[in-house]
Amino acid sequence: MKVTIKDLSVDMEIKNNGVELDVYSPDGSSHYGDLVVTKAGLVWCKGKTSRANGTKIKWDKFIEWAEGQ
């Protein structure tokens, strides 16, 4: 995967707006979507889905999922 940070002008501590990452195919030709990392959790925005319509998961649920793998 190719993952890039859209905006580096963020504080070291993630605030309410979070940090948005662009996620591309390994060769960079296809934009899969955006991953928003916030202090409340993660938001996956497939394709051109807006943040408001993205799939949200809170940190505790994400950790449960990740550790269950």
PDB file of N, CA and C in Angstrom:
ATOM      1  N   MET A   1       0.826  -1.189   0.000  1.00  0.00           N
ATOM      2  CA  MET A   1       0.000   0.000   0.000  1.00  0.00           C
ATOM      3  C   MET A   1       0.863   1.242   0.000  1.00  0.00           C
ATOM      4  N   LYS A   2       0.369   2.259  -0.596  1.00  0.00           N
ATOM      5  CA  LYS A   2       0.997   3.572  -0.509  1.00  0.00           C
ATOM      6  C   LYS A   2       0.087   4.412   0.381  1.00  0.00           C
ATOM      7  N   VAL A   3       0.626   4.906   1.487  1.00  0.00           N
ATOM      8  CA  VAL A   3      -0.160   5.707   2.435  1.00  0.00           C
ATOM      9  C   VAL A   3       0.567   7.022   2.628  1.00  0.00           C
ATOM     10  N   THR A   4      -0.136   8.119   2.447  1.00  0.00           N
ATOM     11  CA  THR A   4       0.472   9.433   2.612  1.00  0.00           C
ATOM     12  C   THR A   4      -0.350  10.264   3.592  1.00  0.00           C
ATOM     13  N   ILE A   5       0.309  11.193   4.249  1.00  0.00           N
ATOM     14  CA  ILE A   5      -0.372  12.125   5.148  1.00  0.00           C
ATOM     15  C   ILE A   5      -0.778  13.337   4.330  1.00  0.00           C
ATOM     16  N   LYS A   6      -2.043  13.718   4.423  1.00  0.00           N
ATOM     17  CA  LYS A   6      -2.539  14.850   3.648  1.00  0.00           C
ATOM     18  C   LYS A   6      -2.019  16.183   4.170  1.00  0.00           C
ATOM     19  N   ASP A   7      -1.915  16.312   5.480  1.00  0.00           N
ATOM     20  CA  ASP A   7      -1.568  17.603   6.066  1.00  0.00           C
ATOM     21  C   ASP A   7      -0.667  17.363   7.275  1.00  0.00           C
ATOM     22  N   LEU A   8       0.539  17.902   7.253  1.00  0.00           N
ATOM     23  CA  LEU A   8       1.470  17.722   8.362  1.00  0.00           C
ATOM     24  C   LEU A   8       1.372  18.817   9.419  1.00  0.00           C
ATOM     25  N   SER A   9       0.476  19.756   9.223  1.00  0.00           N
ATOM     26  CA  SER A   9       0.370  20.852  10.191  1.00  0.00           C
ATOM     27  C   SER A   9      -0.565  20.475  11.340  1.00  0.00           C
ATOM     28  N   VAL A  10      -0.192  19.412  12.059  1.00  0.00           N
ATOM     29  CA  VAL A  10      -0.968  18.962  13.217  1.00  0.00           C
ATOM     30  C   VAL A  10      -0.063  18.922  14.437  1.00  0.00           C
ATOM     31  N   ASP A  11      -0.670  19.038  15.603  1.00  0.00           N
ATOM     32  CA  ASP A  11       0.083  18.893  16.841  1.00  0.00           C
ATOM     33  C   ASP A  11       0.483  17.436  17.014  1.00  0.00           C
ATOM     34  N   MET A  12       1.444  17.167  17.873  1.00  0.00           N
ATOM     35  CA  MET A  12       1.858  15.791  18.127  1.00  0.00           C
ATOM     36  C   MET A  12       0.711  14.984  18.740  1.00  0.00           C
ATOM     37  N   GLU A  13      -0.070  15.606  19.603  1.00  0.00           N
ATOM     38  CA  GLU A  13      -1.236  14.939  20.169  1.00  0.00           C
ATOM     39  C   GLU A  13      -2.380  15.125  19.178  1.00  0.00           C
ATOM     40  N   ILE A  14      -3.069  14.045  18.850  1.00  0.00           N
ATOM     41  CA  ILE A  14      -4.174  14.134  17.903  1.00  0.00           C
ATOM     42  C   ILE A  14      -5.356  14.804  18.585  1.00  0.00           C
ATOM     43  N   LYS A  15      -5.882  15.799  17.928  1.00  0.00           N
ATOM     44  CA  LYS A  15      -7.021  16.558  18.446  1.00  0.00           C
ATOM     45  C   LYS A  15      -8.312  16.023  17.847  1.00  0.00           C
ATOM     46  N   ASN A  16      -9.423  16.721  18.071  1.00  0.00           N
ATOM     47  CA  ASN A  16     -10.733  16.264  17.610  1.00  0.00           C
ATOM     48  C   ASN A  16     -10.808  16.052  16.104  1.00  0.00           C
ATOM     49  N   ASN A  17     -10.202  16.932  15.310  1.00  0.00           N
ATOM     50  CA  ASN A  17     -10.269  16.806  13.852  1.00  0.00           C
ATOM     51  C   ASN A  17      -9.431  15.654  13.334  1.00  0.00           C
ATOM     52  N   GLY A  18      -8.424  15.254  14.064  1.00  0.00           N
ATOM     53  CA  GLY A  18      -7.618  14.096  13.700  1.00  0.00           C
ATOM     54  C   GLY A  18      -6.631  14.345  12.577  1.00  0.00           C
ATOM     55  N   VAL A  19      -6.086  13.242  12.089  1.00  0.00           N
ATOM     56  CA  VAL A  19      -5.115  13.242  11.001  1.00  0.00           C
ATOM     57  C   VAL A  19      -5.704  12.383   9.894  1.00  0.00           C
ATOM     58  N   GLU A  20      -5.658  12.884   8.664  1.00  0.00           N
ATOM     59  CA  GLU A  20      -6.234  12.173   7.534  1.00  0.00           C
ATOM     60  C   GLU A  20      -5.127  11.602   6.658  1.00  0.00           C
ATOM     61  N   LEU A  21      -5.227  10.302   6.373  1.00  0.00           N
ATOM     62  CA  LEU A  21      -4.248   9.614   5.537  1.00  0.00           C
ATOM     63  C   LEU A  21      -4.889   9.220   4.218  1.00  0.00           C
ATOM     64  N   ASP A  22      -4.189   9.450   3.102  1.00  0.00           N
ATOM     65  CA  ASP A  22      -4.606   8.959   1.790  1.00  0.00           C
ATOM     66  C   ASP A  22      -4.091   7.545   1.638  1.00  0.00           C
ATOM     67  N   VAL A  23      -4.929   6.624   1.169  1.00  0.00           N
ATOM     68  CA  VAL A  23      -4.516   5.237   0.975  1.00  0.00           C
ATOM     69  C   VAL A  23      -4.667   4.889  -0.503  1.00  0.00           C
ATOM     70  N   TYR A  24      -3.537   4.508  -1.125  1.00  0.00           N
ATOM     71  CA  TYR A  24      -3.482   4.174  -2.551  1.00  0.00           C
ATOM     72  C   TYR A  24      -3.033   2.735  -2.736  1.00  0.00           C
ATOM     73  N   SER A  25      -3.262   2.215  -3.928  1.00  0.00           N
ATOM     74  CA  SER A  25      -2.732   0.905  -4.294  1.00  0.00           C
ATOM     75  C   SER A  25      -1.208   0.969  -4.213  1.00  0.00           C
ATOM     76  N   PRO A  26      -0.532  -0.197  -4.122  1.00  0.00           N
ATOM     77  CA  PRO A  26       0.929  -0.193  -3.987  1.00  0.00           C
ATOM     78  C   PRO A  26       1.662   0.615  -5.069  1.00  0.00           C
ATOM     79  N   ASP A  27       1.143   0.628  -6.286  1.00  0.00           N
ATOM     80  CA  ASP A  27       1.814   1.393  -7.352  1.00  0.00           C
ATOM     81  C   ASP A  27       1.372   2.854  -7.400  1.00  0.00           C
ATOM     82  N   GLY A  28       0.437   3.227  -6.535  1.00  0.00           N
ATOM     83  CA  GLY A  28      -0.008   4.612  -6.437  1.00  0.00           C
ATOM     84  C   GLY A  28      -1.015   5.035  -7.484  1.00  0.00           C
ATOM     85  N   SER A  29      -1.489   4.104  -8.302  1.00  0.00           N
ATOM     86  CA  SER A  29      -2.384   4.483  -9.401  1.00  0.00           C
ATOM     87  C   SER A  29      -3.859   4.553  -8.996  1.00  0.00           C
ATOM     88  N   SER A  30      -4.257   3.842  -7.941  1.00  0.00           N
ATOM     89  CA  SER A  30      -5.658   3.827  -7.521  1.00  0.00           C
ATOM     90  C   SER A  30      -5.802   4.337  -6.096  1.00  0.00           C
ATOM     91  N   HIS A  31      -6.689   5.300  -5.929  1.00  0.00           N
ATOM     92  CA  HIS A  31      -6.983   5.840  -4.595  1.00  0.00           C
ATOM     93  C   HIS A  31      -8.064   4.980  -3.970  1.00  0.00           C
ATOM     94  N   TYR A  32      -7.721   4.247  -2.899  1.00  0.00           N
ATOM     95  CA  TYR A  32      -8.688   3.378  -2.225  1.00  0.00           C
ATOM     96  C   TYR A  32      -9.607   4.161  -1.305  1.00  0.00           C
ATOM     97  N   GLY A  33      -9.077   5.177  -0.663  1.00  0.00           N
ATOM     98  CA  GLY A  33      -9.876   5.967   0.263  1.00  0.00           C
ATOM     99  C   GLY A  33      -9.004   6.712   1.243  1.00  0.00           C
ATOM    100  N   ASP A  34      -9.644   7.220   2.290  1.00  0.00           N
ATOM    101  CA  ASP A  34      -8.947   7.986   3.325  1.00  0.00           C
ATOM    102  C   ASP A  34      -9.198   7.322   4.676  1.00  0.00           C
ATOM    103  N   LEU A  35      -8.183   7.339   5.518  1.00  0.00           N
ATOM    104  CA  LEU A  35      -8.322   6.875   6.893  1.00  0.00           C
ATOM    105  C   LEU A  35      -8.104   8.079   7.794  1.00  0.00           C
ATOM    106  N   VAL A  36      -9.093   8.360   8.612  1.00  0.00           N
ATOM    107  CA  VAL A  36      -9.006   9.484   9.544  1.00  0.00           C
ATOM    108  C   VAL A  36      -8.761   8.908  10.936  1.00  0.00           C
ATOM    109  N   VAL A  37      -7.681   9.356  11.567  1.00  0.00           N
ATOM    110  CA  VAL A  37      -7.330   8.919  12.913  1.00  0.00           C
ATOM    111  C   VAL A  37      -7.659  10.065  13.855  1.00  0.00           C
ATOM    112  N   THR A  38      -8.581   9.816  14.785  1.00  0.00           N
ATOM    113  CA  THR A  38      -8.968  10.841  15.747  1.00  0.00           C
ATOM    114  C   THR A  38      -8.731  10.314  17.158  1.00  0.00           C
ATOM    115  N   LYS A  39      -8.895  11.170  18.140  1.00  0.00           N
ATOM    116  CA  LYS A  39      -8.707  10.709  19.509  1.00  0.00           C
ATOM    117  C   LYS A  39      -9.851   9.798  19.944  1.00  0.00           C
ATOM    118  N   ALA A  40     -10.980   9.821  19.244  1.00  0.00           N
ATOM    119  CA  ALA A  40     -12.111   8.953  19.568  1.00  0.00           C
ATOM    120  C   ALA A  40     -12.036   7.604  18.860  1.00  0.00           C
ATOM    121  N   GLY A  41     -11.319   7.540  17.735  1.00  0.00           N
ATOM    122  CA  GLY A  41     -11.243   6.285  16.988  1.00  0.00           C
ATOM    123  C   GLY A  41     -10.784   6.504  15.558  1.00  0.00           C
ATOM    124  N   LEU A  42     -11.235   5.621  14.673  1.00  0.00           N
ATOM    125  CA  LEU A  42     -10.850   5.643  13.268  1.00  0.00           C
ATOM    126  C   LEU A  42     -12.096   5.816  12.404  1.00  0.00           C
ATOM    127  N   VAL A  43     -11.908   6.461  11.237  1.00  0.00           N
ATOM    128  CA  VAL A  43     -12.987   6.592  10.263  1.00  0.00           C
ATOM    129  C   VAL A  43     -12.413   6.187   8.906  1.00  0.00           C
ATOM    130  N   TRP A  44     -13.003   5.163   8.263  1.00  0.00           N
ATOM    131  CA  TRP A  44     -12.585   4.747   6.920  1.00  0.00           C
ATOM    132  C   TRP A  44     -13.558   5.358   5.920  1.00  0.00           C
ATOM    133  N   CYS A  45     -13.009   6.102   4.952  1.00  0.00           N
ATOM    134  CA  CYS A  45     -13.803   6.759   3.922  1.00  0.00           C
ATOM    135  C   CYS A  45     -13.411   6.159   2.581  1.00  0.00           C
ATOM    136  N   LYS A  46     -14.139   5.131   2.160  1.00  0.00           N
ATOM    137  CA  LYS A  46     -13.826   4.429   0.914  1.00  0.00           C
ATOM    138  C   LYS A  46     -14.049   5.349  -0.277  1.00  0.00           C
ATOM    139  N   GLY A  47     -13.082   5.345  -1.201  1.00  0.00           N
ATOM    140  CA  GLY A  47     -13.202   6.170  -2.403  1.00  0.00           C
ATOM    141  C   GLY A  47     -13.305   7.635  -2.064  1.00  0.00           C
ATOM    142  N   LYS A  48     -14.383   8.260  -2.519  1.00  0.00           N
ATOM    143  CA  LYS A  48     -14.588   9.692  -2.272  1.00  0.00           C
ATOM    144  C   LYS A  48     -15.639   9.936  -1.196  1.00  0.00           C
ATOM    145  N   THR A  49     -15.871   8.944  -0.347  1.00  0.00           N
ATOM    146  CA  THR A  49     -16.832   9.086   0.748  1.00  0.00           C
ATOM    147  C   THR A  49     -16.385  10.202   1.687  1.00  0.00           C
ATOM    148  N   SER A  50     -17.313  11.040   2.107  1.00  0.00           N
ATOM    149  CA  SER A  50     -16.967  12.117   3.031  1.00  0.00           C
ATOM    150  C   SER A  50     -16.767  11.545   4.433  1.00  0.00           C
ATOM    151  N   ARG A  51     -16.064  12.277   5.246  1.00  0.00           N
ATOM    152  CA  ARG A  51     -15.810  11.848   6.625  1.00  0.00           C
ATOM    153  C   ARG A  51     -17.113  11.594   7.376  1.00  0.00           C
ATOM    154  N   ALA A  52     -18.114  12.441   7.143  1.00  0.00           N
ATOM    155  CA  ALA A  52     -19.400  12.295   7.829  1.00  0.00           C
ATOM    156  C   ALA A  52     -20.092  10.981   7.475  1.00  0.00           C
ATOM    157  N   ASN A  53     -19.843  10.462   6.279  1.00  0.00           N
ATOM    158  CA  ASN A  53     -20.478   9.217   5.829  1.00  0.00           C
ATOM    159  C   ASN A  53     -19.549   8.012   5.917  1.00  0.00           C
ATOM    160  N   GLY A  54     -18.360   8.194   6.485  1.00  0.00           N
ATOM    161  CA  GLY A  54     -17.396   7.106   6.590  1.00  0.00           C
ATOM    162  C   GLY A  54     -17.794   6.079   7.642  1.00  0.00           C
ATOM    163  N   THR A  55     -17.097   4.950   7.626  1.00  0.00           N
ATOM    164  CA  THR A  55     -17.315   3.888   8.598  1.00  0.00           C
ATOM    165  C   THR A  55     -16.477   4.187   9.830  1.00  0.00           C
ATOM    166  N   LYS A  56     -17.145   4.332  10.978  1.00  0.00           N
ATOM    167  CA  LYS A  56     -16.469   4.730  12.208  1.00  0.00           C
ATOM    168  C   LYS A  56     -16.287   3.533  13.123  1.00  0.00           C
ATOM    169  N   ILE A  57     -15.164   3.515  13.849  1.00  0.00           N
ATOM    170  CA  ILE A  57     -14.932   2.496  14.868  1.00  0.00           C
ATOM    171  C   ILE A  57     -14.178   3.151  16.028  1.00  0.00           C
ATOM    172  N   LYS A  58     -14.659   2.918  17.236  1.00  0.00           N
ATOM    173  CA  LYS A  58     -14.002   3.476  18.421  1.00  0.00           C
ATOM    174  C   LYS A  58     -12.745   2.668  18.733  1.00  0.00           C
ATOM    175  N   TRP A  59     -11.813   3.288  19.443  1.00  0.00           N
ATOM    176  CA  TRP A  59     -10.526   2.658  19.733  1.00  0.00           C
ATOM    177  C   TRP A  59     -10.671   1.315  20.430  1.00  0.00           C
ATOM    178  N   ASP A  60     -11.557   1.209  21.425  1.00  0.00           N
ATOM    179  CA  ASP A  60     -11.670  -0.059  22.148  1.00  0.00           C
ATOM    180  C   ASP A  60     -12.137  -1.187  21.238  1.00  0.00           C
ATOM    181  N   LYS A  61     -13.066  -0.909  20.336  1.00  0.00           N
ATOM    182  CA  LYS A  61     -13.544  -1.929  19.394  1.00  0.00           C
ATOM    183  C   LYS A  61     -12.459  -2.286  18.379  1.00  0.00           C
ATOM    184  N   PHE A  62     -11.705  -1.292  17.906  1.00  0.00           N
ATOM    185  CA  PHE A  62     -10.611  -1.564  16.977  1.00  0.00           C
ATOM    186  C   PHE A  62      -9.547  -2.436  17.638  1.00  0.00           C
ATOM    187  N   ILE A  63      -9.209  -2.140  18.880  1.00  0.00           N
ATOM    188  CA  ILE A  63      -8.193  -2.926  19.604  1.00  0.00           C
ATOM    189  C   ILE A  63      -8.679  -4.345  19.794  1.00  0.00           C
ATOM    190  N   GLU A  64      -9.955  -4.521  20.166  1.00  0.00           N
ATOM    191  CA  GLU A  64     -10.514  -5.872  20.293  1.00  0.00           C
ATOM    192  C   GLU A  64     -10.372  -6.631  18.983  1.00  0.00           C
ATOM    193  N   TRP A  65     -10.724  -5.981  17.880  1.00  0.00           N
ATOM    194  CA  TRP A  65     -10.639  -6.614  16.559  1.00  0.00           C
ATOM    195  C   TRP A  65      -9.204  -6.969  16.210  1.00  0.00           C
ATOM    196  N   ALA A  66      -8.288  -6.009  16.404  1.00  0.00           N
ATOM    197  CA  ALA A  66      -6.887  -6.223  16.035  1.00  0.00           C
ATOM    198  C   ALA A  66      -6.236  -7.318  16.876  1.00  0.00           C
ATOM    199  N   GLU A  67      -6.536  -7.363  18.134  1.00  0.00           N
ATOM    200  CA  GLU A  67      -5.940  -8.367  19.006  1.00  0.00           C
ATOM    201  C   GLU A  67      -6.597  -9.741  18.843  1.00  0.00           C
ATOM    202  N   GLY A  68      -7.788  -9.756  18.251  1.00  0.00           N
ATOM    203  CA  GLY A  68      -8.472 -11.018  18.015  1.00  0.00           C
ATOM    204  C   GLY A  68      -7.999 -11.735  16.765  1.00  0.00           C
ATOM    205  N   GLN A  69      -7.176 -11.068  15.975  1.00  0.00           N
ATOM    206  CA  GLN A  69      -6.700 -11.652  14.703  1.00  0.00           C
ATOM    207  C   GLN A  69      -5.621 -12.663  14.921  1.00  0.00           C
TER     208      GLN A  69
END
